[in-house]
Amino acid sequence: MAVLETIGWSLTAAALAWGLTMSWASVAMAWTRRAMQEEVDHWRAEAARAWRVVDQLKQEAVVWSRGRQDGREDLMALMPLLVAARERLASTTEGQDTDS
């Protein structure tokens, strides 16, 4: 009878050990999944922020390009006036040099 009792207690201990191990593994897997999900959520939020920055930089590049083009057009419109003013200044300066 002692042999059967020993076998019974051994099977009970094995089942209990298996149950505790499965319970611990289940808790560990749940904790790991939660940690991984938090990490994924974090990096998704970072990616969303990065895409917002990219969109903002694209808009700034378009505005900068338009401003540069407008400035270039303004300069091209002013060039004849600048050249004429320089020629007037040069002719005025030449006239003063010959008078002295």
PDB file of N, CA and C in Angstrom:
ATOM      1  N   MET A   1       0.805  -1.167   0.000  1.00  0.00           N
ATOM      2  CA  MET A   1       0.000   0.000   0.000  1.00  0.00           C
ATOM      3  C   MET A   1       0.869   1.260   0.000  1.00  0.00           C
ATOM      4  N   ALA A   2       2.007   1.213   0.611  1.00  0.00           N
ATOM      5  CA  ALA A   2       2.915   2.345   0.685  1.00  0.00           C
ATOM      6  C   ALA A   2       3.405   2.717  -0.709  1.00  0.00           C
ATOM      7  N   VAL A   3       3.559   1.731  -1.569  1.00  0.00           N
ATOM      8  CA  VAL A   3       4.027   1.999  -2.935  1.00  0.00           C
ATOM      9  C   VAL A   3       2.949   2.781  -3.686  1.00  0.00           C
ATOM     10  N   LEU A   4       1.703   2.355  -3.561  1.00  0.00           N
ATOM     11  CA  LEU A   4       0.613   3.056  -4.232  1.00  0.00           C
ATOM     12  C   LEU A   4       0.442   4.467  -3.677  1.00  0.00           C
ATOM     13  N   GLU A   5       0.614   4.598  -2.381  1.00  0.00           N
ATOM     14  CA  GLU A   5       0.503   5.914  -1.764  1.00  0.00           C
ATOM     15  C   GLU A   5       1.621   6.831  -2.253  1.00  0.00           C
ATOM     16  N   THR A   6       2.814   6.322  -2.377  1.00  0.00           N
ATOM     17  CA  THR A   6       3.961   7.096  -2.871  1.00  0.00           C
ATOM     18  C   THR A   6       3.725   7.508  -4.324  1.00  0.00           C
ATOM     19  N   ILE A   7       3.234   6.566  -5.128  1.00  0.00           N
ATOM     20  CA  ILE A   7       2.944   6.884  -6.535  1.00  0.00           C
ATOM     21  C   ILE A   7       1.848   7.949  -6.607  1.00  0.00           C
ATOM     22  N   GLY A   8       0.830   7.833  -5.796  1.00  0.00           N
ATOM     23  CA  GLY A   8      -0.258   8.812  -5.774  1.00  0.00           C
ATOM     24  C   GLY A   8       0.230  10.208  -5.398  1.00  0.00           C
ATOM     25  N   TRP A   9       1.035  10.263  -4.337  1.00  0.00           N
ATOM     26  CA  TRP A   9       1.577  11.571  -3.937  1.00  0.00           C
ATOM     27  C   TRP A   9       2.547  12.121  -4.993  1.00  0.00           C
ATOM     28  N   SER A  10       3.268  11.255  -5.633  1.00  0.00           N
ATOM     29  CA  SER A  10       4.192  11.699  -6.700  1.00  0.00           C
ATOM     30  C   SER A  10       3.409  12.291  -7.860  1.00  0.00           C
ATOM     31  N   LEU A  11       2.320  11.625  -8.257  1.00  0.00           N
ATOM     32  CA  LEU A  11       1.480  12.142  -9.339  1.00  0.00           C
ATOM     33  C   LEU A  11       0.819  13.463  -8.933  1.00  0.00           C
ATOM     34  N   THR A  12       0.386  13.543  -7.688  1.00  0.00           N
ATOM     35  CA  THR A  12      -0.212  14.784  -7.196  1.00  0.00           C
ATOM     36  C   THR A  12       0.817  15.913  -7.216  1.00  0.00           C
ATOM     37  N   ALA A  13       2.029  15.638  -6.763  1.00  0.00           N
ATOM     38  CA  ALA A  13       3.098  16.650  -6.754  1.00  0.00           C
ATOM     39  C   ALA A  13       3.441  17.070  -8.183  1.00  0.00           C
ATOM     40  N   ALA A  14       3.498  16.095  -9.089  1.00  0.00           N
ATOM     41  CA  ALA A  14       3.815  16.408 -10.487  1.00  0.00           C
ATOM     42  C   ALA A  14       2.715  17.275 -11.090  1.00  0.00           C
ATOM     43  N   ALA A  15       1.448  16.937 -10.823  1.00  0.00           N
ATOM     44  CA  ALA A  15       0.341  17.726 -11.359  1.00  0.00           C
ATOM     45  C   ALA A  15       0.354  19.134 -10.767  1.00  0.00           C
ATOM     46  N   LEU A  16       0.623  19.249  -9.492  1.00  0.00           N
ATOM     47  CA  LEU A  16       0.685  20.548  -8.842  1.00  0.00           C
ATOM     48  C   LEU A  16       1.842  21.379  -9.407  1.00  0.00           C
ATOM     49  N   ALA A  17       2.998  20.751  -9.585  1.00  0.00           N
ATOM     50  CA  ALA A  17       4.152  21.452 -10.154  1.00  0.00           C
ATOM     51  C   ALA A  17       3.845  21.908 -11.577  1.00  0.00           C
ATOM     52  N   TRP A  18       3.210  21.029 -12.358  1.00  0.00           N
ATOM     53  CA  TRP A  18       2.844  21.392 -13.732  1.00  0.00           C
ATOM     54  C   TRP A  18       1.861  22.565 -13.728  1.00  0.00           C
ATOM     55  N   GLY A  19       0.863  22.513 -12.872  1.00  0.00           N
ATOM     56  CA  GLY A  19      -0.129  23.586 -12.787  1.00  0.00           C
ATOM     57  C   GLY A  19       0.494  24.912 -12.388  1.00  0.00           C
ATOM     58  N   LEU A  20       1.378  24.873 -11.385  1.00  0.00           N
ATOM     59  CA  LEU A  20       2.056  26.109 -10.954  1.00  0.00           C
ATOM     60  C   LEU A  20       2.952  26.664 -12.060  1.00  0.00           C
ATOM     61  N   THR A  21       3.642  25.758 -12.751  1.00  0.00           N
ATOM     62  CA  THR A  21       4.523  26.190 -13.845  1.00  0.00           C
ATOM     63  C   THR A  21       3.705  26.818 -14.965  1.00  0.00           C
ATOM     64  N   MET A  22       2.589  26.212 -15.319  1.00  0.00           N
ATOM     65  CA  MET A  22       1.731  26.762 -16.372  1.00  0.00           C
ATOM     66  C   MET A  22       1.147  28.112 -15.947  1.00  0.00           C
ATOM     67  N   SER A  23       0.768  28.215 -14.690  1.00  0.00           N
ATOM     68  CA  SER A  23       0.230  29.474 -14.180  1.00  0.00           C
ATOM     69  C   SER A  23       1.302  30.567 -14.230  1.00  0.00           C
ATOM     70  N   TRP A  24       2.504  30.252 -13.779  1.00  0.00           N
ATOM     71  CA  TRP A  24       3.609  31.216 -13.808  1.00  0.00           C
ATOM     72  C   TRP A  24       3.934  31.611 -15.251  1.00  0.00           C
ATOM     73  N   ALA A  25       3.968  30.622 -16.146  1.00  0.00           N
ATOM     74  CA  ALA A  25       4.262  30.909 -17.560  1.00  0.00           C
ATOM     75  C   ALA A  25       3.170  31.787 -18.166  1.00  0.00           C
ATOM     76  N   SER A  26       1.934  31.549 -17.819  1.00  0.00           N
ATOM     77  CA  SER A  26       0.826  32.352 -18.329  1.00  0.00           C
ATOM     78  C   SER A  26       0.947  33.800 -17.855  1.00  0.00           C
ATOM     79  N   VAL A  27       1.264  33.982 -16.597  1.00  0.00           N
ATOM     80  CA  VAL A  27       1.444  35.332 -16.060  1.00  0.00           C
ATOM     81  C   VAL A  27       2.634  36.014 -16.737  1.00  0.00           C
ATOM     82  N   ALA A  28       3.734  35.282 -16.910  1.00  0.00           N
ATOM     83  CA  ALA A  28       4.922  35.851 -17.550  1.00  0.00           C
ATOM     84  C   ALA A  28       4.628  36.230 -19.003  1.00  0.00           C
ATOM     85  N   MET A  29       3.894  35.411 -19.714  1.00  0.00           N
ATOM     86  CA  MET A  29       3.545  35.708 -21.108  1.00  0.00           C
ATOM     87  C   MET A  29       2.632  36.932 -21.179  1.00  0.00           C
ATOM     88  N   ALA A  30       1.669  37.022 -20.262  1.00  0.00           N
ATOM     89  CA  ALA A  30       0.773  38.180 -20.250  1.00  0.00           C
ATOM     90  C   ALA A  30       1.561  39.457 -19.967  1.00  0.00           C
ATOM     91  N   TRP A  31       2.485  39.402 -19.023  1.00  0.00           N
ATOM     92  CA  TRP A  31       3.304  40.568 -18.697  1.00  0.00           C
ATOM     93  C   TRP A  31       4.163  40.967 -19.906  1.00  0.00           C
ATOM     94  N   THR A  32       4.737  39.957 -20.577  1.00  0.00           N
ATOM     95  CA  THR A  32       5.574  40.226 -21.749  1.00  0.00           C
ATOM     96  C   THR A  32       4.749  40.824 -22.884  1.00  0.00           C
ATOM     97  N   ARG A  33       3.558  40.285 -23.103  1.00  0.00           N
ATOM     98  CA  ARG A  33       2.685  40.835 -24.155  1.00  0.00           C
ATOM     99  C   ARG A  33       2.322  42.285 -23.849  1.00  0.00           C
ATOM    100  N   ARG A  34       1.994  42.561 -22.589  1.00  0.00           N
ATOM    101  CA  ARG A  34       1.646  43.920 -22.205  1.00  0.00           C
ATOM    102  C   ARG A  34       2.837  44.867 -22.415  1.00  0.00           C
ATOM    103  N   ALA A  35       4.024  44.416 -22.027  1.00  0.00           N
ATOM    104  CA  ALA A  35       5.224  45.247 -22.210  1.00  0.00           C
ATOM    105  C   ALA A  35       5.493  45.479 -23.693  1.00  0.00           C
ATOM    106  N   MET A  36       5.332  44.450 -24.496  1.00  0.00           N
ATOM    107  CA  MET A  36       5.550  44.604 -25.940  1.00  0.00           C
ATOM    108  C   MET A  36       4.510  45.550 -26.541  1.00  0.00           C
ATOM    109  N   GLN A  37       3.268  45.446 -26.096  1.00  0.00           N
ATOM    110  CA  GLN A  37       2.224  46.329 -26.617  1.00  0.00           C
ATOM    111  C   GLN A  37       2.495  47.776 -26.232  1.00  0.00           C
ATOM    112  N   GLU A  38       2.966  47.996 -25.014  1.00  0.00           N
ATOM    113  CA  GLU A  38       3.333  49.355 -24.606  1.00  0.00           C
ATOM    114  C   GLU A  38       4.462  49.886 -25.476  1.00  0.00           C
ATOM    115  N   GLU A  39       5.424  49.033 -25.775  1.00  0.00           N
ATOM    116  CA  GLU A  39       6.542  49.438 -26.639  1.00  0.00           C
ATOM    117  C   GLU A  39       6.044  49.770 -28.045  1.00  0.00           C
ATOM    118  N   VAL A  40       5.173  48.936 -28.570  1.00  0.00           N
ATOM    119  CA  VAL A  40       4.615  49.189 -29.903  1.00  0.00           C
ATOM    120  C   VAL A  40       3.823  50.490 -29.912  1.00  0.00           C
ATOM    121  N   ASP A  41       3.012  50.711 -28.888  1.00  0.00           N
ATOM    122  CA  ASP A  41       2.238  51.956 -28.802  1.00  0.00           C
ATOM    123  C   ASP A  41       3.155  53.168 -28.733  1.00  0.00           C
ATOM    124  N   HIS A  42       4.221  53.036 -27.964  1.00  0.00           N
ATOM    125  CA  HIS A  42       5.187  54.133 -27.847  1.00  0.00           C
ATOM    126  C   HIS A  42       5.780  54.473 -29.212  1.00  0.00           C
ATOM    127  N   TRP A  43       6.242  53.459 -29.940  1.00  0.00           N
ATOM    128  CA  TRP A  43       6.891  53.724 -31.226  1.00  0.00           C
ATOM    129  C   TRP A  43       5.899  54.156 -32.291  1.00  0.00           C
ATOM    130  N   ARG A  44       4.650  53.716 -32.192  1.00  0.00           N
ATOM    131  CA  ARG A  44       3.630  54.220 -33.113  1.00  0.00           C
ATOM    132  C   ARG A  44       3.381  55.700 -32.865  1.00  0.00           C
ATOM    133  N   ALA A  45       3.329  56.088 -31.597  1.00  0.00           N
ATOM    134  CA  ALA A  45       3.151  57.504 -31.266  1.00  0.00           C
ATOM    135  C   ALA A  45       4.344  58.321 -31.756  1.00  0.00           C
ATOM    136  N   GLU A  46       5.547  57.790 -31.594  1.00  0.00           N
ATOM    137  CA  GLU A  46       6.741  58.483 -32.091  1.00  0.00           C
ATOM    138  C   GLU A  46       6.693  58.628 -33.611  1.00  0.00           C
ATOM    139  N   ALA A  47       6.263  57.571 -34.294  1.00  0.00           N
ATOM    140  CA  ALA A  47       6.154  57.628 -35.753  1.00  0.00           C
ATOM    141  C   ALA A  47       5.115  58.669 -36.173  1.00  0.00           C
ATOM    142  N   ALA A  48       4.006  58.725 -35.468  1.00  0.00           N
ATOM    143  CA  ALA A  48       2.973  59.721 -35.786  1.00  0.00           C
ATOM    144  C   ALA A  48       3.519  61.130 -35.592  1.00  0.00           C
ATOM    145  N   ARG A  49       4.272  61.339 -34.498  1.00  0.00           N
ATOM    146  CA  ARG A  49       4.881  62.655 -34.282  1.00  0.00           C
ATOM    147  C   ARG A  49       5.874  62.976 -35.393  1.00  0.00           C
ATOM    148  N   ALA A  50       6.647  61.988 -35.799  1.00  0.00           N
ATOM    149  CA  ALA A  50       7.630  62.208 -36.871  1.00  0.00           C
ATOM    150  C   ALA A  50       6.928  62.560 -38.178  1.00  0.00           C
ATOM    151  N   TRP A  51       5.818  61.898 -38.462  1.00  0.00           N
ATOM    152  CA  TRP A  51       5.085  62.210 -39.696  1.00  0.00           C
ATOM    153  C   TRP A  51       4.499  63.619 -39.638  1.00  0.00           C
ATOM    154  N   ARG A  52       4.076  64.052 -38.443  1.00  0.00           N
ATOM    155  CA  ARG A  52       3.591  65.428 -38.318  1.00  0.00           C
ATOM    156  C   ARG A  52       4.716  66.418 -38.596  1.00  0.00           C
ATOM    157  N   VAL A  53       5.908  66.110 -38.106  1.00  0.00           N
ATOM    158  CA  VAL A  53       7.058  66.984 -38.369  1.00  0.00           C
ATOM    159  C   VAL A  53       7.380  66.992 -39.857  1.00  0.00           C
ATOM    160  N   VAL A  54       7.312  65.820 -40.495  1.00  0.00           N
ATOM    161  CA  VAL A  54       7.572  65.748 -41.936  1.00  0.00           C
ATOM    162  C   VAL A  54       6.566  66.598 -42.697  1.00  0.00           C
ATOM    163  N   ASP A  55       5.291  66.491 -42.343  1.00  0.00           N
ATOM    164  CA  ASP A  55       4.266  67.302 -43.009  1.00  0.00           C
ATOM    165  C   ASP A  55       4.522  68.792 -42.802  1.00  0.00           C
ATOM    166  N   GLN A  56       4.897  69.149 -41.584  1.00  0.00           N
ATOM    167  CA  GLN A  56       5.189  70.554 -41.299  1.00  0.00           C
ATOM    168  C   GLN A  56       6.382  71.034 -42.119  1.00  0.00           C
ATOM    169  N   LEU A  57       7.422  70.212 -42.210  1.00  0.00           N
ATOM    170  CA  LEU A  57       8.598  70.605 -42.987  1.00  0.00           C
ATOM    171  C   LEU A  57       8.281  70.708 -44.478  1.00  0.00           C
ATOM    172  N   LYS A  58       7.403  69.826 -44.963  1.00  0.00           N
ATOM    173  CA  LYS A  58       6.992  69.928 -46.370  1.00  0.00           C
ATOM    174  C   LYS A  58       6.280  71.251 -46.615  1.00  0.00           C
ATOM    175  N   GLN A  59       5.385  71.615 -45.697  1.00  0.00           N
ATOM    176  CA  GLN A  59       4.667  72.882 -45.849  1.00  0.00           C
ATOM    177  C   GLN A  59       5.638  74.060 -45.782  1.00  0.00           C
ATOM    178  N   GLU A  60       6.585  73.996 -44.862  1.00  0.00           N
ATOM    179  CA  GLU A  60       7.574  75.070 -44.755  1.00  0.00           C
ATOM    180  C   GLU A  60       8.423  75.161 -46.011  1.00  0.00           C
ATOM    181  N   ALA A  61       8.768  74.020 -46.603  1.00  0.00           N
ATOM    182  CA  ALA A  61       9.565  74.024 -47.831  1.00  0.00           C
ATOM    183  C   ALA A  61       8.788  74.668 -48.974  1.00  0.00           C
ATOM    184  N   VAL A  62       7.494  74.376 -49.055  1.00  0.00           N
ATOM    185  CA  VAL A  62       6.675  74.990 -50.100  1.00  0.00           C
ATOM    186  C   VAL A  62       6.598  76.499 -49.889  1.00  0.00           C
ATOM    187  N   VAL A  63       6.351  76.918 -48.645  1.00  0.00           N
ATOM    188  CA  VAL A  63       6.269  78.350 -48.350  1.00  0.00           C
ATOM    189  C   VAL A  63       7.605  79.027 -48.625  1.00  0.00           C
ATOM    190  N   TRP A  64       8.691  78.388 -48.221  1.00  0.00           N
ATOM    191  CA  TRP A  64      10.029  78.953 -48.451  1.00  0.00           C
ATOM    192  C   TRP A  64      10.303  79.097 -49.946  1.00  0.00           C
ATOM    193  N   SER A  65       9.921  78.073 -50.701  1.00  0.00           N
ATOM    194  CA  SER A  65      10.133  78.107 -52.148  1.00  0.00           C
ATOM    195  C   SER A  65       9.328  79.231 -52.788  1.00  0.00           C
ATOM    196  N   ARG A  66       8.067  79.377 -52.366  1.00  0.00           N
ATOM    197  CA  ARG A  66       7.238  80.469 -52.900  1.00  0.00           C
ATOM    198  C   ARG A  66       7.831  81.823 -52.535  1.00  0.00           C
ATOM    199  N   GLY A  67       8.281  81.948 -51.306  1.00  0.00           N
ATOM    200  CA  GLY A  67       8.884  83.208 -50.875  1.00  0.00           C
ATOM    201  C   GLY A  67      10.154  83.515 -51.647  1.00  0.00           C
ATOM    202  N   ARG A  68      10.959  82.491 -51.885  1.00  0.00           N
ATOM    203  CA  ARG A  68      12.179  82.684 -52.664  1.00  0.00           C
ATOM    204  C   ARG A  68      11.841  83.108 -54.083  1.00  0.00           C
ATOM    205  N   GLN A  69      10.843  82.471 -54.674  1.00  0.00           N
ATOM    206  CA  GLN A  69      10.439  82.816 -56.031  1.00  0.00           C
ATOM    207  C   GLN A  69       9.900  84.247 -56.080  1.00  0.00           C
ATOM    208  N   ASP A  70       9.079  84.609 -55.088  1.00  0.00           N
ATOM    209  CA  ASP A  70       8.552  85.979 -55.039  1.00  0.00           C
ATOM    210  C   ASP A  70       9.684  86.982 -54.883  1.00  0.00           C
ATOM    211  N   GLY A  71      10.641  86.670 -54.021  1.00  0.00           N
ATOM    212  CA  GLY A  71      11.788  87.557 -53.836  1.00  0.00           C
ATOM    213  C   GLY A  71      12.606  87.693 -55.107  1.00  0.00           C
ATOM    214  N   ARG A  72      12.754  86.591 -55.820  1.00  0.00           N
ATOM    215  CA  ARG A  72      13.508  86.618 -57.081  1.00  0.00           C
ATOM    216  C   ARG A  72      12.773  87.476 -58.105  1.00  0.00           C
ATOM    217  N   GLU A  73      11.456  87.328 -58.181  1.00  0.00           N
ATOM    218  CA  GLU A  73      10.672  88.140 -59.112  1.00  0.00           C
ATOM    219  C   GLU A  73      10.770  89.614 -58.743  1.00  0.00           C
ATOM    220  N   ASP A  74      10.723  89.923 -57.450  1.00  0.00           N
ATOM    221  CA  ASP A  74      10.861  91.312 -57.012  1.00  0.00           C
ATOM    222  C   ASP A  74      12.221  91.869 -57.406  1.00  0.00           C
ATOM    223  N   LEU A  75      13.262  91.082 -57.207  1.00  0.00           N
ATOM    224  CA  LEU A  75      14.606  91.525 -57.572  1.00  0.00           C
ATOM    225  C   LEU A  75      14.719  91.744 -59.072  1.00  0.00           C
ATOM    226  N   MET A  76      14.142  90.855 -59.859  1.00  0.00           N
ATOM    227  CA  MET A  76      14.195  91.011 -61.311  1.00  0.00           C
ATOM    228  C   MET A  76      13.436  92.263 -61.745  1.00  0.00           C
ATOM    229  N   ALA A  77      12.356  92.589 -61.039  1.00  0.00           N
ATOM    230  CA  ALA A  77      11.601  93.795 -61.361  1.00  0.00           C
ATOM    231  C   ALA A  77      12.391  95.047 -60.972  1.00  0.00           C
ATOM    232  N   LEU A  78      13.201  94.964 -59.921  1.00  0.00           N
ATOM    233  CA  LEU A  78      13.967  96.119 -59.455  1.00  0.00           C
ATOM    234  C   LEU A  78      15.284  96.321 -60.203  1.00  0.00           C
ATOM    235  N   MET A  79      15.776  95.289 -60.867  1.00  0.00           N
ATOM    236  CA  MET A  79      17.092  95.379 -61.514  1.00  0.00           C
ATOM    237  C   MET A  79      17.188  96.543 -62.498  1.00  0.00           C
ATOM    238  N   PRO A  80      16.207  96.753 -63.383  1.00  0.00           N
ATOM    239  CA  PRO A  80      16.338  97.906 -64.291  1.00  0.00           C
ATOM    240  C   PRO A  80      16.416  99.226 -63.542  1.00  0.00           C
ATOM    241  N   LEU A  81      15.639  99.342 -62.450  1.00  0.00           N
ATOM    242  CA  LEU A  81      15.695 100.569 -61.665  1.00  0.00           C
ATOM    243  C   LEU A  81      17.054 100.741 -60.996  1.00  0.00           C
ATOM    244  N   LEU A  82      17.624  99.647 -60.487  1.00  0.00           N
ATOM    245  CA  LEU A  82      18.946  99.707 -59.855  1.00  0.00           C
ATOM    246  C   LEU A  82      20.025 100.075 -60.864  1.00  0.00           C
ATOM    247  N   VAL A  83      19.947  99.495 -62.058  1.00  0.00           N
ATOM    248  CA  VAL A  83      20.935  99.802 -63.100  1.00  0.00           C
ATOM    249  C   VAL A  83      20.809 101.260 -63.510  1.00  0.00           C
ATOM    250  N   ALA A  84      19.584 101.746 -63.685  1.00  0.00           N
ATOM    251  CA  ALA A  84      19.382 103.150 -64.071  1.00  0.00           C
ATOM    252  C   ALA A  84      19.894 104.088 -62.988  1.00  0.00           C
ATOM    253  N   ALA A  85      19.627 103.765 -61.731  1.00  0.00           N
ATOM    254  CA  ALA A  85      20.109 104.607 -60.633  1.00  0.00           C
ATOM    255  C   ALA A  85      21.629 104.600 -60.585  1.00  0.00           C
ATOM    256  N   ARG A  86      22.238 103.467 -60.828  1.00  0.00           N
ATOM    257  CA  ARG A  86      23.707 103.378 -60.839  1.00  0.00           C
ATOM    258  C   ARG A  86      24.275 104.213 -61.979  1.00  0.00           C
ATOM    259  N   GLU A  87      23.635 104.149 -63.133  1.00  0.00           N
ATOM    260  CA  GLU A  87      24.124 104.943 -64.270  1.00  0.00           C
ATOM    261  C   GLU A  87      23.984 106.437 -63.996  1.00  0.00           C
ATOM    262  N   ARG A  88      22.851 106.837 -63.379  1.00  0.00           N
ATOM    263  CA  ARG A  88      22.663 108.255 -63.030  1.00  0.00           C
ATOM    264  C   ARG A  88      23.712 108.694 -62.025  1.00  0.00           C
ATOM    265  N   LEU A  89      23.983 107.834 -61.039  1.00  0.00           N
ATOM    266  CA  LEU A  89      24.978 108.156 -60.028  1.00  0.00           C
ATOM    267  C   LEU A  89      26.363 108.253 -60.661  1.00  0.00           C
ATOM    268  N   ALA A  90      26.654 107.330 -61.575  1.00  0.00           N
ATOM    269  CA  ALA A  90      27.961 107.349 -62.239  1.00  0.00           C
ATOM    270  C   ALA A  90      28.102 108.605 -63.102  1.00  0.00           C
ATOM    271  N   SER A  91      27.050 108.978 -63.811  1.00  0.00           N
ATOM    272  CA  SER A  91      27.146 110.167 -64.668  1.00  0.00           C
ATOM    273  C   SER A  91      27.244 111.438 -63.818  1.00  0.00           C
ATOM    274  N   THR A  92      26.559 111.453 -62.668  1.00  0.00           N
ATOM    275  CA  THR A  92      26.634 112.603 -61.772  1.00  0.00           C
ATOM    276  C   THR A  92      28.034 112.702 -61.178  1.00  0.00           C
ATOM    277  N   THR A  93      28.601 111.567 -60.805  1.00  0.00           N
ATOM    278  CA  THR A  93      29.937 111.554 -60.220  1.00  0.00           C
ATOM    279  C   THR A  93      30.964 111.968 -61.265  1.00  0.00           C
ATOM    280  N   GLU A  94      30.824 111.550 -62.509  1.00  0.00           N
ATOM    281  CA  GLU A  94      31.757 111.921 -63.567  1.00  0.00           C
ATOM    282  C   GLU A  94      31.681 113.420 -63.834  1.00  0.00           C
ATOM    283  N   GLY A  95      30.494 113.975 -63.782  1.00  0.00           N
ATOM    284  CA  GLY A  95      30.314 115.411 -64.010  1.00  0.00           C
ATOM    285  C   GLY A  95      30.962 116.224 -62.902  1.00  0.00           C
ATOM    286  N   GLN A  96      30.929 115.746 -61.683  1.00  0.00           N
ATOM    287  CA  GLN A  96      31.547 116.457 -60.567  1.00  0.00           C
ATOM    288  C   GLN A  96      33.061 116.347 -60.642  1.00  0.00           C
ATOM    289  N   ASP A  97      33.605 115.206 -61.105  1.00  0.00           N
ATOM    290  CA  ASP A  97      35.035 115.012 -61.196  1.00  0.00           C
ATOM    291  C   ASP A  97      35.643 115.946 -62.240  1.00  0.00           C
ATOM    292  N   THR A  98      34.950 116.183 -63.349  1.00  0.00           N
ATOM    293  CA  THR A  98      35.488 117.033 -64.405  1.00  0.00           C
ATOM    294  C   THR A  98      35.401 118.514 -64.025  1.00  0.00           C
ATOM    295  N   ASP A  99      34.466 118.880 -63.148  1.00  0.00           N
ATOM    296  CA  ASP A  99      34.312 120.268 -62.725  1.00  0.00           C
ATOM    297  C   ASP A  99      35.438 120.694 -61.784  1.00  0.00           C
ATOM    298  N   SER A 100      36.009 119.766 -61.044  1.00  0.00           N
ATOM    299  CA  SER A 100      36.997 120.160 -60.079  1.00  0.00           C
ATOM    300  C   SER A 100      38.334 120.408 -60.643  1.00  0.00           C
TER     301      SER A 100
END
